[in-house]
Amino acid sequence: MKKSRIHLFSILTIAALVSVSCGDDDTTETLPYLTGSPKFEFPAFSKPDIVLDITASGVTDDDGNEAEYFWYPSYATSEKDTIKTYTLRMPNDFTTFSITCTAFKEGYYSTSTTKTVTIVSEDRENGSLTGRDFDIEKDFVFTDSRDGREYWCTRVGDTEWFRDNLAYAGSGISVYDDCSDLAGIFGMYYSWNEAMEACPEGWRLASLDDWAKAAKVAGVEDADKLASFDSVAGAFMGDIQFNKEAMWEYWPNVKITNKLRLDVTPCGYVLLDTEGDNNKFQGMLEYASFWTSDSKDNDLAYYRYFYEDKADIMLGSGSKESFGASVRCVRDVK
């Protein structure tokens, strides 16, 4: 099935060429090109109504003199400001827009750079995520004393589960460190070693047994903790929208019911760079992956994962140090 949705991390590039006509003979003059392309820092995600000062650089003429710049945000109808540092206020609505910076100088072709930003908010009532509900008879709120962050929780059998991915920033990494709300929406991503210590006091990382017990509640009679759980993924998955776009693509064989109220969403996984910062996020809007507390051997540990077009909950194993996954915390009902 071909995807028609806009993926979160797509970046649009627009090239602009300017032709200059001169003389009465209607011929086109061939001009030299400026050196370089406009460079500026711009977040991929931002909270609404944030004010940013954006400064351009990186473009010179043949003599090394810096070019001039003008800016054009995509939500504006005609606004073009010629200025090196541009002040931009982010919109209040949850949208994705672009801003184009064009470098120009008389006697040269112009050159442009376009970057995009997605406006996000983790606000429960008026934020980026919609399609979730809170039932006061089935759910409760837990506040992590370490950072004051609140988590929705629910009971599955004789176990209490986080309905949110853990977002404790004392360890792990976020998709984008410059937007704290994104961690609140998708959670943090942890190596297994980090995940084993990440849950707040009184809670623990969900084990293979915890997942098997939840699968039994979902309808799997003989849930083998070391095998896939057939045809029950939809009981864990939430039909949730991010900025009005469905996070799980529709597949007819996957019946999303969210029976267990665990709100599993496709936040992907990360290949961790253990020697630097070149982490590679993959599977966003396709996979959901969760560490278990069970080690396979000295180097590998088990994780449970969901894939958009599969009705089963599958079992995988990944490096304890270089694979990053989401975390769900659990505790036994007292």
Foldseek 3Di string as FASTA:
>chain_A
DDDPDDDLPDKDWDKDWDWDFDDPVRDTDDFAAWPFEWDWDDDQEDAAFDKDKIFIFGTGHPVRHTFWKWKDKPVDDDDIGTDRIDIDTGHNAFDKIKMKMWTDDPRHIITIGMGMHTHFALDPPPTQKDQADDDPVFWDWDAFPVPRDIFIWGDQPQKIKTLAWAADVPDAAFPDPVYSRRCSHHNGWHFLVCQQVPDGPQKGFAALVNVQSNLVSQPQVDRDSQWKRAQRVLLCAGQMGGSNHGLQDDAPSANRDVVVSSHFGFQAKWFADLVDHPIGGDRRSFKAKEFHNAAPDPFKGKIWMDGRHHSIIGIDIDGSRGIIHTTMIMHGHD
